[in-house]
Amino acid sequence: MGVYWLLHYHLFRFIKRYDSVLLVLDFVFLLLIILMFIVPSRLANPDRSQDFLASGFVRE
């Protein structure tokens, strides 16, 4: 996840002006990065905790 965040950081460091469309696209990009790690762990262990966010990261 850190590699994607660093890519995002270095890419957006060069942007001088932006509008609401770019901000929305940026938000969607970061959301997809997060989901890329949460969804596979959730699919691999569907019978785990009901808490969606904690189920992929908390080991029992």
C-alpha atoms as a PDB file:
ATOM      1  CA  MET A   1       0.000   0.000   0.000  1.00  0.00           C
ATOM      2  CA  GLY A   2       2.906   2.305   0.738  1.00  0.00           C
ATOM      3  CA  VAL A   3       4.236   2.017  -2.812  1.00  0.00           C
ATOM      4  CA  TYR A   4       0.927   3.217  -4.233  1.00  0.00           C
ATOM      5  CA  TRP A   5       0.785   6.111  -1.774  1.00  0.00           C
ATOM      6  CA  LEU A   6       4.327   7.175  -2.697  1.00  0.00           C
ATOM      7  CA  LEU A   7       3.411   7.020  -6.385  1.00  0.00           C
ATOM      8  CA  HIS A   8       0.395   9.203  -5.645  1.00  0.00           C
ATOM      9  CA  TYR A   9       2.474  11.645  -3.611  1.00  0.00           C
ATOM     10  CA  HIS A  10       5.173  12.052  -6.264  1.00  0.00           C
ATOM     11  CA  LEU A  11       2.639  12.344  -9.067  1.00  0.00           C
ATOM     12  CA  PHE A  12       0.603  15.072  -7.375  1.00  0.00           C
ATOM     13  CA  ARG A  13       3.632  16.999  -6.181  1.00  0.00           C
ATOM     14  CA  PHE A  14       3.995  18.484  -9.671  1.00  0.00           C
ATOM     15  CA  ILE A  15       0.408  19.681 -10.003  1.00  0.00           C
ATOM     16  CA  LYS A  16       0.101  23.449  -9.586  1.00  0.00           C
ATOM     17  CA  ARG A  17      -3.626  23.921 -10.241  1.00  0.00           C
ATOM     18  CA  TYR A  18      -6.564  21.582  -9.719  1.00  0.00           C
ATOM     19  CA  ASP A  19     -10.347  21.524  -9.807  1.00  0.00           C
ATOM     20  CA  SER A  20     -13.103  19.459  -8.240  1.00  0.00           C
ATOM     21  CA  VAL A  21     -12.938  16.787 -10.953  1.00  0.00           C
ATOM     22  CA  LEU A  22      -9.287  16.097 -10.220  1.00  0.00           C
ATOM     23  CA  LEU A  23      -9.998  15.928  -6.492  1.00  0.00           C
ATOM     24  CA  VAL A  24     -12.779  13.398  -7.042  1.00  0.00           C
ATOM     25  CA  LEU A  25     -10.562  11.292  -9.309  1.00  0.00           C
ATOM     26  CA  ASP A  26      -7.813  11.454  -6.691  1.00  0.00           C
ATOM     27  CA  PHE A  27     -10.208  10.334  -3.984  1.00  0.00           C
ATOM     28  CA  VAL A  28     -11.439   7.441  -6.129  1.00  0.00           C
ATOM     29  CA  PHE A  29      -7.848   6.394  -6.852  1.00  0.00           C
ATOM     30  CA  LEU A  30      -6.993   6.300  -3.150  1.00  0.00           C
ATOM     31  CA  LEU A  31     -10.235   4.473  -2.358  1.00  0.00           C
ATOM     32  CA  LEU A  32      -9.434   1.803  -4.932  1.00  0.00           C
ATOM     33  CA  ILE A  33      -5.997   1.338  -3.398  1.00  0.00           C
ATOM     34  CA  ILE A  34      -7.589   0.724  -0.001  1.00  0.00           C
ATOM     35  CA  LEU A  35     -10.195  -1.649  -1.431  1.00  0.00           C
ATOM     36  CA  MET A  36      -7.477  -3.554  -3.270  1.00  0.00           C
ATOM     37  CA  PHE A  37      -6.227  -4.736   0.135  1.00  0.00           C
ATOM     38  CA  ILE A  38      -9.499  -5.063   2.065  1.00  0.00           C
ATOM     39  CA  VAL A  39     -11.677  -6.963  -0.412  1.00  0.00           C
ATOM     40  CA  PRO A  40      -9.351  -9.964  -1.033  1.00  0.00           C
ATOM     41  CA  SER A  41      -8.825 -10.490   2.681  1.00  0.00           C
ATOM     42  CA  ARG A  42     -12.578 -10.278   3.227  1.00  0.00           C
ATOM     43  CA  LEU A  43     -13.270 -12.782   0.440  1.00  0.00           C
ATOM     44  CA  ALA A  44     -10.647 -15.165   1.773  1.00  0.00           C
ATOM     45  CA  ASN A  45     -12.227 -15.230   5.267  1.00  0.00           C
ATOM     46  CA  PRO A  46     -15.987 -14.604   4.882  1.00  0.00           C
ATOM     47  CA  ASP A  47     -16.913 -16.274   8.196  1.00  0.00           C
ATOM     48  CA  ARG A  48     -14.735 -13.962  10.317  1.00  0.00           C
ATOM     49  CA  SER A  49     -15.873 -10.957  12.333  1.00  0.00           C
ATOM     50  CA  GLN A  50     -18.846  -8.912  11.152  1.00  0.00           C
ATOM     51  CA  ASP A  51     -16.829  -5.715  11.299  1.00  0.00           C
ATOM     52  CA  PHE A  52     -15.835  -5.071   7.689  1.00  0.00           C
ATOM     53  CA  LEU A  53     -12.717  -3.001   8.294  1.00  0.00           C
ATOM     54  CA  ALA A  54     -11.282  -4.971  11.205  1.00  0.00           C
ATOM     55  CA  SER A  55     -11.888  -8.412   9.694  1.00  0.00           C
ATOM     56  CA  GLY A  56      -9.036  -8.134   7.221  1.00  0.00           C
ATOM     57  CA  PHE A  57      -6.447  -6.799   9.646  1.00  0.00           C
ATOM     58  CA  VAL A  58      -7.143  -8.316  13.054  1.00  0.00           C
ATOM     59  CA  ARG A  59      -5.808 -11.823  13.554  1.00  0.00           C
ATOM     60  CA  GLU A  60      -7.448 -13.994  16.182  1.00  0.00           C
END
